């Protein structure tokens, strides 16, 4: 998997986090809604800005990695359903893994 595909995957996960308040029906929880929309948007844009870049100096990958960690904590801070809880934790962990893999060149 090339760095380009990893960033596209991270951007797709950011889009999922962006639309998840409507999917899981917690758009009426203001804090959870805005946190999800803001962090999902930042992950989406950060992943697109990191397209084609790899290495420890790429701040966009570090930003998305941090957002993945925040999404693991997200369902513990806000009250969401069981399926949302599971998906936030799993996709947050996958976000961390994908962006961590982008910190190192594919040739290593």
C-alpha atoms as a PDB file:
ATOM      1  CA  UNK A   1       0.000   0.000   0.000  1.00  0.00           C
ATOM      2  CA  UNK A   2       1.559   3.261  -1.052  1.00  0.00           C
ATOM      3  CA  UNK A   3       1.589   6.428   1.006  1.00  0.00           C
ATOM      4  CA  UNK A   4      -0.947   7.916  -1.396  1.00  0.00           C
ATOM      5  CA  UNK A   5      -3.488   5.172  -0.685  1.00  0.00           C
ATOM      6  CA  UNK A   6      -2.874   5.439   3.059  1.00  0.00           C
ATOM      7  CA  UNK A   7      -3.675   9.145   2.959  1.00  0.00           C
ATOM      8  CA  UNK A   8      -6.791   8.540   0.864  1.00  0.00           C
ATOM      9  CA  UNK A   9      -7.904   5.908   3.398  1.00  0.00           C
ATOM     10  CA  UNK A  10      -7.302   8.362   6.237  1.00  0.00           C
ATOM     11  CA  UNK A  11      -9.293  11.033   4.359  1.00  0.00           C
ATOM     12  CA  UNK A  12     -12.187   8.580   3.907  1.00  0.00           C
ATOM     13  CA  UNK A  13     -12.175   7.830   7.625  1.00  0.00           C
ATOM     14  CA  UNK A  14     -12.219  11.586   8.269  1.00  0.00           C
ATOM     15  CA  UNK A  15     -15.277  11.887   6.023  1.00  0.00           C
ATOM     16  CA  UNK A  16     -16.941   9.068   7.945  1.00  0.00           C
ATOM     17  CA  UNK A  17     -16.303  10.849  11.248  1.00  0.00           C
ATOM     18  CA  UNK A  18     -17.698  14.034   9.667  1.00  0.00           C
ATOM     19  CA  UNK A  19     -21.027  12.442   8.698  1.00  0.00           C
ATOM     20  CA  UNK A  20     -21.352  10.071  11.665  1.00  0.00           C
ATOM     21  CA  UNK A  21     -23.531  12.416  13.800  1.00  0.00           C
ATOM     22  CA  UNK A  22     -26.267  12.118  11.172  1.00  0.00           C
ATOM     23  CA  UNK A  23     -25.706   8.382  10.667  1.00  0.00           C
ATOM     24  CA  UNK A  24     -25.981   7.598  14.387  1.00  0.00           C
ATOM     25  CA  UNK A  25     -28.516  10.314  15.216  1.00  0.00           C
ATOM     26  CA  UNK A  26     -26.661  12.340  17.819  1.00  0.00           C
ATOM     27  CA  UNK A  27     -26.777  15.648  15.968  1.00  0.00           C
ATOM     28  CA  UNK A  28     -28.910  17.007  18.822  1.00  0.00           C
ATOM     29  CA  UNK A  29     -25.972  16.607  21.258  1.00  0.00           C
ATOM     30  CA  UNK A  30     -24.309  19.920  20.473  1.00  0.00           C
ATOM     31  CA  UNK A  31     -20.858  19.251  21.920  1.00  0.00           C
ATOM     32  CA  UNK A  32     -20.563  15.779  20.399  1.00  0.00           C
ATOM     33  CA  UNK A  33     -21.852  17.067  17.067  1.00  0.00           C
ATOM     34  CA  UNK A  34     -19.392  19.955  16.801  1.00  0.00           C
ATOM     35  CA  UNK A  35     -16.456  17.878  18.053  1.00  0.00           C
ATOM     36  CA  UNK A  36     -17.170  15.177  15.493  1.00  0.00           C
ATOM     37  CA  UNK A  37     -17.678  17.583  12.596  1.00  0.00           C
ATOM     38  CA  UNK A  38     -14.610  19.657  13.471  1.00  0.00           C
ATOM     39  CA  UNK A  39     -12.237  16.730  14.046  1.00  0.00           C
ATOM     40  CA  UNK A  40     -13.532  14.798  11.032  1.00  0.00           C
ATOM     41  CA  UNK A  41     -13.087  17.853   8.818  1.00  0.00           C
ATOM     42  CA  UNK A  42      -9.566  18.483  10.093  1.00  0.00           C
ATOM     43  CA  UNK A  43      -8.637  14.840   9.520  1.00  0.00           C
ATOM     44  CA  UNK A  44     -10.077  14.943   5.992  1.00  0.00           C
ATOM     45  CA  UNK A  45      -8.233  18.134   5.041  1.00  0.00           C
ATOM     46  CA  UNK A  46      -5.014  17.077   6.794  1.00  0.00           C
ATOM     47  CA  UNK A  47      -5.003  13.755   4.972  1.00  0.00           C
ATOM     48  CA  UNK A  48      -5.519  15.453   1.627  1.00  0.00           C
ATOM     49  CA  UNK A  49      -2.698  17.903   2.366  1.00  0.00           C
ATOM     50  CA  UNK A  50      -0.416  14.941   3.171  1.00  0.00           C
ATOM     51  CA  UNK A  51      -1.051  13.171  -0.154  1.00  0.00           C
ATOM     52  CA  UNK A  52       2.223  11.949  -1.591  1.00  0.00           C
ATOM     53  CA  UNK A  53       4.255  12.886   1.494  1.00  0.00           C
ATOM     54  CA  UNK A  54       5.931  10.550   3.947  1.00  0.00           C
ATOM     55  CA  UNK A  55       8.344  10.915   6.798  1.00  0.00           C
ATOM     56  CA  UNK A  56       8.449  12.009  10.391  1.00  0.00           C
ATOM     57  CA  UNK A  57       8.576  15.684   9.420  1.00  0.00           C
ATOM     58  CA  UNK A  58       5.102  15.663   7.786  1.00  0.00           C
ATOM     59  CA  UNK A  59       2.982  17.461  10.375  1.00  0.00           C
ATOM     60  CA  UNK A  60      -0.282  16.494   8.661  1.00  0.00           C
ATOM     61  CA  UNK A  61       0.312  12.821   9.472  1.00  0.00           C
ATOM     62  CA  UNK A  62       1.037  13.674  13.100  1.00  0.00           C
ATOM     63  CA  UNK A  63      -2.138  15.756  13.232  1.00  0.00           C
ATOM     64  CA  UNK A  64      -4.274  12.918  11.844  1.00  0.00           C
ATOM     65  CA  UNK A  65      -2.604  10.419  14.174  1.00  0.00           C
ATOM     66  CA  UNK A  66      -3.540  12.629  17.132  1.00  0.00           C
ATOM     67  CA  UNK A  67      -7.108  12.976  15.873  1.00  0.00           C
ATOM     68  CA  UNK A  68      -7.328   9.176  15.704  1.00  0.00           C
ATOM     69  CA  UNK A  69      -6.406   9.033  19.391  1.00  0.00           C
ATOM     70  CA  UNK A  70      -9.065  11.647  20.158  1.00  0.00           C
ATOM     71  CA  UNK A  71     -11.680   9.578  18.331  1.00  0.00           C
ATOM     72  CA  UNK A  72     -10.813   6.592  20.524  1.00  0.00           C
ATOM     73  CA  UNK A  73     -11.596   8.789  23.541  1.00  0.00           C
ATOM     74  CA  UNK A  74     -14.658  10.387  21.891  1.00  0.00           C
ATOM     75  CA  UNK A  75     -17.283   7.745  22.849  1.00  0.00           C
ATOM     76  CA  UNK A  76     -15.992   7.741  26.432  1.00  0.00           C
ATOM     77  CA  UNK A  77     -16.592  11.493  26.739  1.00  0.00           C
ATOM     78  CA  UNK A  78     -19.901  11.710  24.881  1.00  0.00           C
ATOM     79  CA  UNK A  79     -22.808   9.309  25.212  1.00  0.00           C
ATOM     80  CA  UNK A  80     -23.237   7.455  21.929  1.00  0.00           C
ATOM     81  CA  UNK A  81     -24.800   4.113  21.112  1.00  0.00           C
ATOM     82  CA  UNK A  82     -22.976   0.790  21.208  1.00  0.00           C
ATOM     83  CA  UNK A  83     -22.439   0.567  17.439  1.00  0.00           C
ATOM     84  CA  UNK A  84     -21.139   4.145  17.313  1.00  0.00           C
ATOM     85  CA  UNK A  85     -18.886   3.379  20.279  1.00  0.00           C
ATOM     86  CA  UNK A  86     -17.427   0.350  18.510  1.00  0.00           C
ATOM     87  CA  UNK A  87     -16.902   2.152  15.194  1.00  0.00           C
ATOM     88  CA  UNK A  88     -15.300   5.209  16.796  1.00  0.00           C
ATOM     89  CA  UNK A  89     -12.797   3.056  18.684  1.00  0.00           C
ATOM     90  CA  UNK A  90     -11.985   0.787  15.730  1.00  0.00           C
ATOM     91  CA  UNK A  91     -11.738   3.580  13.147  1.00  0.00           C
ATOM     92  CA  UNK A  92      -9.779   5.766  15.569  1.00  0.00           C
ATOM     93  CA  UNK A  93      -7.294   2.930  16.008  1.00  0.00           C
ATOM     94  CA  UNK A  94      -7.106   2.382  12.230  1.00  0.00           C
ATOM     95  CA  UNK A  95      -6.505   6.119  11.767  1.00  0.00           C
ATOM     96  CA  UNK A  96      -3.576   5.889  14.169  1.00  0.00           C
ATOM     97  CA  UNK A  97      -2.140   2.839  12.375  1.00  0.00           C
ATOM     98  CA  UNK A  98      -2.472   4.281   8.870  1.00  0.00           C
ATOM     99  CA  UNK A  99      -0.909   7.600   9.806  1.00  0.00           C
ATOM    100  CA  UNK A 100       1.827   5.938  11.838  1.00  0.00           C
ATOM    101  CA  UNK A 101       2.672   3.844   8.776  1.00  0.00           C
ATOM    102  CA  UNK A 102       2.922   7.081   6.764  1.00  0.00           C
ATOM    103  CA  UNK A 103       5.649   8.339   9.066  1.00  0.00           C
ATOM    104  CA  UNK A 104       8.061   5.825   7.530  1.00  0.00           C
ATOM    105  CA  UNK A 105       9.019   5.430   3.892  1.00  0.00           C
ATOM    106  CA  UNK A 106       7.584   2.404   2.080  1.00  0.00           C
ATOM    107  CA  UNK A 107      11.080   1.290   1.007  1.00  0.00           C
ATOM    108  CA  UNK A 108      12.254   0.519   4.555  1.00  0.00           C
END
